[in-house]
Amino acid sequence: MLHLRGLTYDSNAWRDGQHPFNVAAVQHVRDHGLRFKHPVTFFVGENGTGKTTVLESIAARYPRLGRSRLTSTPSARP
């Protein structure tokens, strides 16, 4: 399994001031990088491919790990 250890900014790829590089949190990553202390998981995919449904299913299966109620979300309905 591939684990991300950090993020860095390639200043040749984008111009400063262009979204999202004008957002303060992204500017911080640009200036200082970002290092992860623990493994990080990303769910990546096109719209409508089920990313949210997978996360809501995990949350519903392990309710003690989270505090949100899922009864109002479409994936919680039969």
PDB file of N, CA and C in Angstrom:
ATOM      1  N   MET A   1       0.837  -1.170   0.000  1.00  0.00           N
ATOM      2  CA  MET A   1       0.000   0.000   0.000  1.00  0.00           C
ATOM      3  C   MET A   1       0.888   1.242   0.000  1.00  0.00           C
ATOM      4  N   LEU A   2       0.493   2.226  -0.755  1.00  0.00           N
ATOM      5  CA  LEU A   2       1.232   3.477  -0.854  1.00  0.00           C
ATOM      6  C   LEU A   2       0.774   4.442   0.230  1.00  0.00           C
ATOM      7  N   HIS A   3       1.716   4.973   0.992  1.00  0.00           N
ATOM      8  CA  HIS A   3       1.391   5.952   2.033  1.00  0.00           C
ATOM      9  C   HIS A   3       2.052   7.277   1.693  1.00  0.00           C
ATOM     10  N   LEU A   4       1.288   8.348   1.826  1.00  0.00           N
ATOM     11  CA  LEU A   4       1.801   9.692   1.625  1.00  0.00           C
ATOM     12  C   LEU A   4       2.567  10.113   2.865  1.00  0.00           C
ATOM     13  N   ARG A   5       3.745  10.677   2.665  1.00  0.00           N
ATOM     14  CA  ARG A   5       4.532  11.172   3.795  1.00  0.00           C
ATOM     15  C   ARG A   5       4.471  12.685   3.900  1.00  0.00           C
ATOM     16  N   GLY A   6       4.120  13.338   2.797  1.00  0.00           N
ATOM     17  CA  GLY A   6       4.045  14.786   2.834  1.00  0.00           C
ATOM     18  C   GLY A   6       3.647  15.360   1.491  1.00  0.00           C
ATOM     19  N   LEU A   7       3.507  16.679   1.471  1.00  0.00           N
ATOM     20  CA  LEU A   7       3.176  17.413   0.256  1.00  0.00           C
ATOM     21  C   LEU A   7       4.155  18.555   0.085  1.00  0.00           C
ATOM     22  N   THR A   8       4.525  18.822  -1.142  1.00  0.00           N
ATOM     23  CA  THR A   8       5.334  19.996  -1.448  1.00  0.00           C
ATOM     24  C   THR A   8       4.705  20.722  -2.622  1.00  0.00           C
ATOM     25  N   TYR A   9       5.109  21.957  -2.824  1.00  0.00           N
ATOM     26  CA  TYR A   9       4.535  22.831  -3.839  1.00  0.00           C
ATOM     27  C   TYR A   9       5.535  23.000  -4.973  1.00  0.00           C
ATOM     28  N   ASP A  10       5.115  22.760  -6.207  1.00  0.00           N
ATOM     29  CA  ASP A  10       5.946  22.983  -7.385  1.00  0.00           C
ATOM     30  C   ASP A  10       5.623  24.369  -7.931  1.00  0.00           C
ATOM     31  N   SER A  11       6.497  25.322  -7.677  1.00  0.00           N
ATOM     32  CA  SER A  11       6.218  26.710  -8.055  1.00  0.00           C
ATOM     33  C   SER A  11       6.151  26.904  -9.564  1.00  0.00           C
ATOM     34  N   ASN A  12       6.640  25.962 -10.342  1.00  0.00           N
ATOM     35  CA  ASN A  12       6.567  26.073 -11.804  1.00  0.00           C
ATOM     36  C   ASN A  12       5.216  25.626 -12.352  1.00  0.00           C
ATOM     37  N   ALA A  13       4.432  24.928 -11.544  1.00  0.00           N
ATOM     38  CA  ALA A  13       3.182  24.352 -12.035  1.00  0.00           C
ATOM     39  C   ALA A  13       2.036  25.355 -12.061  1.00  0.00           C
ATOM     40  N   TRP A  14       1.989  26.292 -11.109  1.00  0.00           N
ATOM     41  CA  TRP A  14       0.862  27.218 -10.992  1.00  0.00           C
ATOM     42  C   TRP A  14       1.363  28.610 -10.659  1.00  0.00           C
ATOM     43  N   ARG A  15       0.573  29.585 -11.027  1.00  0.00           N
ATOM     44  CA  ARG A  15       0.886  30.967 -10.660  1.00  0.00           C
ATOM     45  C   ARG A  15       0.265  31.299  -9.309  1.00  0.00           C
ATOM     46  N   ASP A  16       1.020  32.009  -8.476  1.00  0.00           N
ATOM     47  CA  ASP A  16       0.449  32.496  -7.221  1.00  0.00           C
ATOM     48  C   ASP A  16      -0.725  33.398  -7.539  1.00  0.00           C
ATOM     49  N   GLY A  17      -1.724  33.380  -6.682  1.00  0.00           N
ATOM     50  CA  GLY A  17      -2.909  34.195  -6.898  1.00  0.00           C
ATOM     51  C   GLY A  17      -4.014  33.455  -7.618  1.00  0.00           C
ATOM     52  N   GLN A  18      -3.680  32.353  -8.292  1.00  0.00           N
ATOM     53  CA  GLN A  18      -4.690  31.519  -8.942  1.00  0.00           C
ATOM     54  C   GLN A  18      -5.291  30.585  -7.905  1.00  0.00           C
ATOM     55  N   HIS A  19      -6.607  30.374  -8.004  1.00  0.00           N
ATOM     56  CA  HIS A  19      -7.253  29.442  -7.078  1.00  0.00           C
ATOM     57  C   HIS A  19      -6.744  28.037  -7.335  1.00  0.00           C
ATOM     58  N   PRO A  20      -6.414  27.230  -6.370  1.00  0.00           N
ATOM     59  CA  PRO A  20      -6.596  27.420  -4.931  1.00  0.00           C
ATOM     60  C   PRO A  20      -5.373  28.008  -4.238  1.00  0.00           C
ATOM     61  N   PHE A  21      -4.399  28.489  -5.001  1.00  0.00           N
ATOM     62  CA  PHE A  21      -3.150  28.954  -4.395  1.00  0.00           C
ATOM     63  C   PHE A  21      -3.260  30.329  -3.760  1.00  0.00           C
ATOM     64  N   ASN A  22      -4.443  30.936  -3.805  1.00  0.00           N
ATOM     65  CA  ASN A  22      -4.670  32.188  -3.093  1.00  0.00           C
ATOM     66  C   ASN A  22      -5.363  31.951  -1.750  1.00  0.00           C
ATOM     67  N   VAL A  23      -5.580  30.698  -1.385  1.00  0.00           N
ATOM     68  CA  VAL A  23      -6.187  30.329  -0.099  1.00  0.00           C
ATOM     69  C   VAL A  23      -5.068  30.228   0.946  1.00  0.00           C
ATOM     70  N   ALA A  24      -5.293  30.806   2.128  1.00  0.00           N
ATOM     71  CA  ALA A  24      -4.245  30.885   3.155  1.00  0.00           C
ATOM     72  C   ALA A  24      -3.656  29.519   3.518  1.00  0.00           C
ATOM     73  N   ALA A  25      -4.488  28.503   3.680  1.00  0.00           N
ATOM     74  CA  ALA A  25      -3.986  27.172   4.053  1.00  0.00           C
ATOM     75  C   ALA A  25      -3.092  26.592   2.959  1.00  0.00           C
ATOM     76  N   VAL A  26      -3.443  26.833   1.715  1.00  0.00           N
ATOM     77  CA  VAL A  26      -2.635  26.335   0.596  1.00  0.00           C
ATOM     78  C   VAL A  26      -1.337  27.130   0.508  1.00  0.00           C
ATOM     79  N   GLN A  27      -1.383  28.419   0.791  1.00  0.00           N
ATOM     80  CA  GLN A  27      -0.170  29.235   0.811  1.00  0.00           C
ATOM     81  C   GLN A  27       0.791  28.742   1.891  1.00  0.00           C
ATOM     82  N   HIS A  28       0.251  28.296   3.018  1.00  0.00           N
ATOM     83  CA  HIS A  28       1.095  27.748   4.087  1.00  0.00           C
ATOM     84  C   HIS A  28       1.812  26.484   3.600  1.00  0.00           C
ATOM     85  N   VAL A  29       1.102  25.615   2.906  1.00  0.00           N
ATOM     86  CA  VAL A  29       1.728  24.407   2.348  1.00  0.00           C
ATOM     87  C   VAL A  29       2.792  24.806   1.336  1.00  0.00           C
ATOM     88  N   ARG A  30       2.491  25.807   0.512  1.00  0.00           N
ATOM     89  CA  ARG A  30       3.464  26.293  -0.470  1.00  0.00           C
ATOM     90  C   ARG A  30       4.744  26.740   0.223  1.00  0.00           C
ATOM     91  N   ASP A  31       4.597  27.487   1.300  1.00  0.00           N
ATOM     92  CA  ASP A  31       5.755  28.076   1.972  1.00  0.00           C
ATOM     93  C   ASP A  31       6.495  27.111   2.888  1.00  0.00           C
ATOM     94  N   HIS A  32       5.782  26.161   3.483  1.00  0.00           N
ATOM     95  CA  HIS A  32       6.386  25.313   4.510  1.00  0.00           C
ATOM     96  C   HIS A  32       6.307  23.821   4.219  1.00  0.00           C
ATOM     97  N   GLY A  33       5.553  23.411   3.215  1.00  0.00           N
ATOM     98  CA  GLY A  33       5.332  21.992   2.975  1.00  0.00           C
ATOM     99  C   GLY A  33       4.368  21.435   4.011  1.00  0.00           C
ATOM    100  N   LEU A  34       4.092  20.166   3.917  1.00  0.00           N
ATOM    101  CA  LEU A  34       3.171  19.513   4.848  1.00  0.00           C
ATOM    102  C   LEU A  34       3.669  18.096   5.074  1.00  0.00           C
ATOM    103  N   ARG A  35       3.884  17.728   6.319  1.00  0.00           N
ATOM    104  CA  ARG A  35       4.342  16.381   6.683  1.00  0.00           C
ATOM    105  C   ARG A  35       3.265  15.695   7.507  1.00  0.00           C
ATOM    106  N   PHE A  36       3.039  14.429   7.223  1.00  0.00           N
ATOM    107  CA  PHE A  36       2.051  13.642   7.949  1.00  0.00           C
ATOM    108  C   PHE A  36       2.752  12.772   8.983  1.00  0.00           C
ATOM    109  N   LYS A  37       2.240  12.774  10.215  1.00  0.00           N
ATOM    110  CA  LYS A  37       2.804  11.942  11.278  1.00  0.00           C
ATOM    111  C   LYS A  37       2.283  10.515  11.207  1.00  0.00           C
ATOM    112  N   HIS A  38       1.091  10.340  10.634  1.00  0.00           N
ATOM    113  CA  HIS A  38       0.444   9.032  10.544  1.00  0.00           C
ATOM    114  C   HIS A  38      -0.026   8.819   9.109  1.00  0.00           C
ATOM    115  N   PRO A  39      -0.258   7.561   8.701  1.00  0.00           N
ATOM    116  CA  PRO A  39      -0.753   7.306   7.341  1.00  0.00           C
ATOM    117  C   PRO A  39      -2.060   8.054   7.069  1.00  0.00           C
ATOM    118  N   VAL A  40      -2.206   8.518   5.856  1.00  0.00           N
ATOM    119  CA  VAL A  40      -3.382   9.278   5.426  1.00  0.00           C
ATOM    120  C   VAL A  40      -4.022   8.538   4.262  1.00  0.00           C
ATOM    121  N   THR A  41      -5.338   8.456   4.268  1.00  0.00           N
ATOM    122  CA  THR A  41      -6.066   7.814   3.179  1.00  0.00           C
ATOM    123  C   THR A  41      -6.871   8.852   2.425  1.00  0.00           C
ATOM    124  N   PHE A  42      -6.804   8.804   1.104  1.00  0.00           N
ATOM    125  CA  PHE A  42      -7.584   9.688   0.250  1.00  0.00           C
ATOM    126  C   PHE A  42      -8.553   8.861  -0.573  1.00  0.00           C
ATOM    127  N   PHE A  43      -9.789   9.305  -0.673  1.00  0.00           N
ATOM    128  CA  PHE A  43     -10.763   8.718  -1.582  1.00  0.00           C
ATOM    129  C   PHE A  43     -10.853   9.648  -2.777  1.00  0.00           C
ATOM    130  N   VAL A  44     -10.471   9.143  -3.937  1.00  0.00           N
ATOM    131  CA  VAL A  44     -10.436   9.969  -5.137  1.00  0.00           C
ATOM    132  C   VAL A  44     -11.297   9.314  -6.202  1.00  0.00           C
ATOM    133  N   GLY A  45     -12.096  10.111  -6.890  1.00  0.00           N
ATOM    134  CA  GLY A  45     -12.909   9.583  -7.976  1.00  0.00           C
ATOM    135  C   GLY A  45     -13.826  10.638  -8.543  1.00  0.00           C
ATOM    136  N   GLU A  46     -14.379  10.330  -9.676  1.00  0.00           N
ATOM    137  CA  GLU A  46     -15.305  11.252 -10.334  1.00  0.00           C
ATOM    138  C   GLU A  46     -16.556  11.440  -9.484  1.00  0.00           C
ATOM    139  N   ASN A  47     -17.282  12.514  -9.747  1.00  0.00           N
ATOM    140  CA  ASN A  47     -18.559  12.752  -9.074  1.00  0.00           C
ATOM    141  C   ASN A  47     -19.511  11.590  -9.350  1.00  0.00           C
ATOM    142  N   GLY A  48     -20.235  11.182  -8.304  1.00  0.00           N
ATOM    143  CA  GLY A  48     -21.236  10.138  -8.465  1.00  0.00           C
ATOM    144  C   GLY A  48     -20.707   8.719  -8.438  1.00  0.00           C
ATOM    145  N   THR A  49     -19.430   8.518  -8.072  1.00  0.00           N
ATOM    146  CA  THR A  49     -18.870   7.165  -8.074  1.00  0.00           C
ATOM    147  C   THR A  49     -18.990   6.450  -6.736  1.00  0.00           C
ATOM    148  N   GLY A  50     -19.533   7.133  -5.696  1.00  0.00           N
ATOM    149  CA  GLY A  50     -19.797   6.459  -4.435  1.00  0.00           C
ATOM    150  C   GLY A  50     -18.830   6.739  -3.303  1.00  0.00           C
ATOM    151  N   LYS A  51     -17.986   7.747  -3.430  1.00  0.00           N
ATOM    152  CA  LYS A  51     -17.035   8.052  -2.357  1.00  0.00           C
ATOM    153  C   LYS A  51     -17.747   8.356  -1.041  1.00  0.00           C
ATOM    154  N   THR A  52     -18.732   9.230  -1.082  1.00  0.00           N
ATOM    155  CA  THR A  52     -19.472   9.596   0.126  1.00  0.00           C
ATOM    156  C   THR A  52     -20.235   8.404   0.674  1.00  0.00           C
ATOM    157  N   THR A  53     -20.811   7.593  -0.187  1.00  0.00           N
ATOM    158  CA  THR A  53     -21.551   6.411   0.252  1.00  0.00           C
ATOM    159  C   THR A  53     -20.635   5.449   0.997  1.00  0.00           C
ATOM    160  N   VAL A  54     -19.423   5.251   0.509  1.00  0.00           N
ATOM    161  CA  VAL A  54     -18.468   4.371   1.190  1.00  0.00           C
ATOM    162  C   VAL A  54     -18.144   4.917   2.578  1.00  0.00           C
ATOM    163  N   LEU A  55     -17.857   6.206   2.670  1.00  0.00           N
ATOM    164  CA  LEU A  55     -17.521   6.792   3.971  1.00  0.00           C
ATOM    165  C   LEU A  55     -18.701   6.752   4.934  1.00  0.00           C
ATOM    166  N   GLU A  56     -19.900   7.021   4.437  1.00  0.00           N
ATOM    167  CA  GLU A  56     -21.091   6.954   5.292  1.00  0.00           C
ATOM    168  C   GLU A  56     -21.368   5.522   5.734  1.00  0.00           C
ATOM    169  N   SER A  57     -21.101   4.552   4.882  1.00  0.00           N
ATOM    170  CA  SER A  57     -21.280   3.144   5.249  1.00  0.00           C
ATOM    171  C   SER A  57     -20.317   2.746   6.357  1.00  0.00           C
ATOM    172  N   ILE A  58     -19.084   3.193   6.255  1.00  0.00           N
ATOM    173  CA  ILE A  58     -18.099   2.919   7.308  1.00  0.00           C
ATOM    174  C   ILE A  58     -18.544   3.570   8.617  1.00  0.00           C
ATOM    175  N   ALA A  59     -18.995   4.822   8.543  1.00  0.00           N
ATOM    176  CA  ALA A  59     -19.450   5.533   9.744  1.00  0.00           C
ATOM    177  C   ALA A  59     -20.663   4.853  10.364  1.00  0.00           C
ATOM    178  N   ALA A  60     -21.568   4.345   9.541  1.00  0.00           N
ATOM    179  CA  ALA A  60     -22.761   3.661  10.057  1.00  0.00           C
ATOM    180  C   ALA A  60     -22.389   2.333  10.714  1.00  0.00           C
ATOM    181  N   ARG A  61     -21.384   1.667  10.172  1.00  0.00           N
ATOM    182  CA  ARG A  61     -20.955   0.368  10.711  1.00  0.00           C
ATOM    183  C   ARG A  61     -20.233   0.526  12.046  1.00  0.00           C
ATOM    184  N   TYR A  62     -19.512   1.621  12.217  1.00  0.00           N
ATOM    185  CA  TYR A  62     -18.727   1.868  13.426  1.00  0.00           C
ATOM    186  C   TYR A  62     -19.197   3.154  14.106  1.00  0.00           C
ATOM    187  N   PRO A  63     -20.415   3.171  14.633  1.00  0.00           N
ATOM    188  CA  PRO A  63     -20.984   4.415  15.166  1.00  0.00           C
ATOM    189  C   PRO A  63     -20.244   4.974  16.378  1.00  0.00           C
ATOM    190  N   ARG A  64     -19.556   4.140  17.128  1.00  0.00           N
ATOM    191  CA  ARG A  64     -18.863   4.641  18.321  1.00  0.00           C
ATOM    192  C   ARG A  64     -17.644   5.480  17.967  1.00  0.00           C
ATOM    193  N   LEU A  65     -17.154   5.350  16.750  1.00  0.00           N
ATOM    194  CA  LEU A  65     -15.981   6.118  16.344  1.00  0.00           C
ATOM    195  C   LEU A  65     -16.337   7.524  15.888  1.00  0.00           C
ATOM    196  N   GLY A  66     -17.615   7.775  15.633  1.00  0.00           N
ATOM    197  CA  GLY A  66     -18.038   9.094  15.177  1.00  0.00           C
ATOM    198  C   GLY A  66     -19.249   9.565  15.945  1.00  0.00           C
ATOM    199  N   ARG A  67     -19.628  10.792  15.711  1.00  0.00           N
ATOM    200  CA  ARG A  67     -20.740  11.367  16.447  1.00  0.00           C
ATOM    201  C   ARG A  67     -21.895  11.791  15.557  1.00  0.00           C
ATOM    202  N   SER A  68     -21.782  11.682  14.240  1.00  0.00           N
ATOM    203  CA  SER A  68     -22.833  12.153  13.338  1.00  0.00           C
ATOM    204  C   SER A  68     -23.937  11.128  13.189  1.00  0.00           C
ATOM    205  N   ARG A  69     -25.160  11.614  13.082  1.00  0.00           N
ATOM    206  CA  ARG A  69     -26.286  10.740  12.777  1.00  0.00           C
ATOM    207  C   ARG A  69     -26.492  10.757  11.275  1.00  0.00           C
ATOM    208  N   LEU A  70     -26.676   9.590  10.701  1.00  0.00           N
ATOM    209  CA  LEU A  70     -26.765   9.478   9.251  1.00  0.00           C
ATOM    210  C   LEU A  70     -28.183   9.271   8.756  1.00  0.00           C
ATOM    211  N   THR A  71     -29.165   9.452   9.603  1.00  0.00           N
ATOM    212  CA  THR A  71     -30.538   9.152   9.205  1.00  0.00           C
ATOM    213  C   THR A  71     -31.073  10.088   8.140  1.00  0.00           C
ATOM    214  N   SER A  72     -30.495  11.254   7.986  1.00  0.00           N
ATOM    215  CA  SER A  72     -31.008  12.200   6.994  1.00  0.00           C
ATOM    216  C   SER A  72     -30.274  12.133   5.662  1.00  0.00           C
ATOM    217  N   THR A  73     -29.260  11.288   5.558  1.00  0.00           N
ATOM    218  CA  THR A  73     -28.515  11.197   4.308  1.00  0.00           C
ATOM    219  C   THR A  73     -29.127  10.133   3.408  1.00  0.00           C
ATOM    220  N   PRO A  74     -29.091  10.346   2.102  1.00  0.00           N
ATOM    221  CA  PRO A  74     -29.707   9.392   1.166  1.00  0.00           C
ATOM    222  C   PRO A  74     -29.170   7.968   1.295  1.00  0.00           C
ATOM    223  N   SER A  75     -27.880   7.805   1.577  1.00  0.00           N
ATOM    224  CA  SER A  75     -27.318   6.457   1.648  1.00  0.00           C
ATOM    225  C   SER A  75     -27.734   5.721   2.916  1.00  0.00           C
ATOM    226  N   ALA A  76     -28.328   6.406   3.896  1.00  0.00           N
ATOM    227  CA  ALA A  76     -28.782   5.747   5.122  1.00  0.00           C
ATOM    228  C   ALA A  76     -30.186   5.183   4.975  1.00  0.00           C
ATOM    229  N   ARG A  77     -30.866   5.578   3.921  1.00  0.00           N
ATOM    230  CA  ARG A  77     -32.236   5.107   3.715  1.00  0.00           C
ATOM    231  C   ARG A  77     -32.240   3.769   2.988  1.00  0.00           C
ATOM    232  N   PRO A  78     -33.225   2.918   3.284  1.00  0.00           N
ATOM    233  CA  PRO A  78     -33.305   1.621   2.596  1.00  0.00           C
ATOM    234  C   PRO A  78     -33.599   1.785   1.116  1.00  0.00           C
TER     235      PRO A  78
END
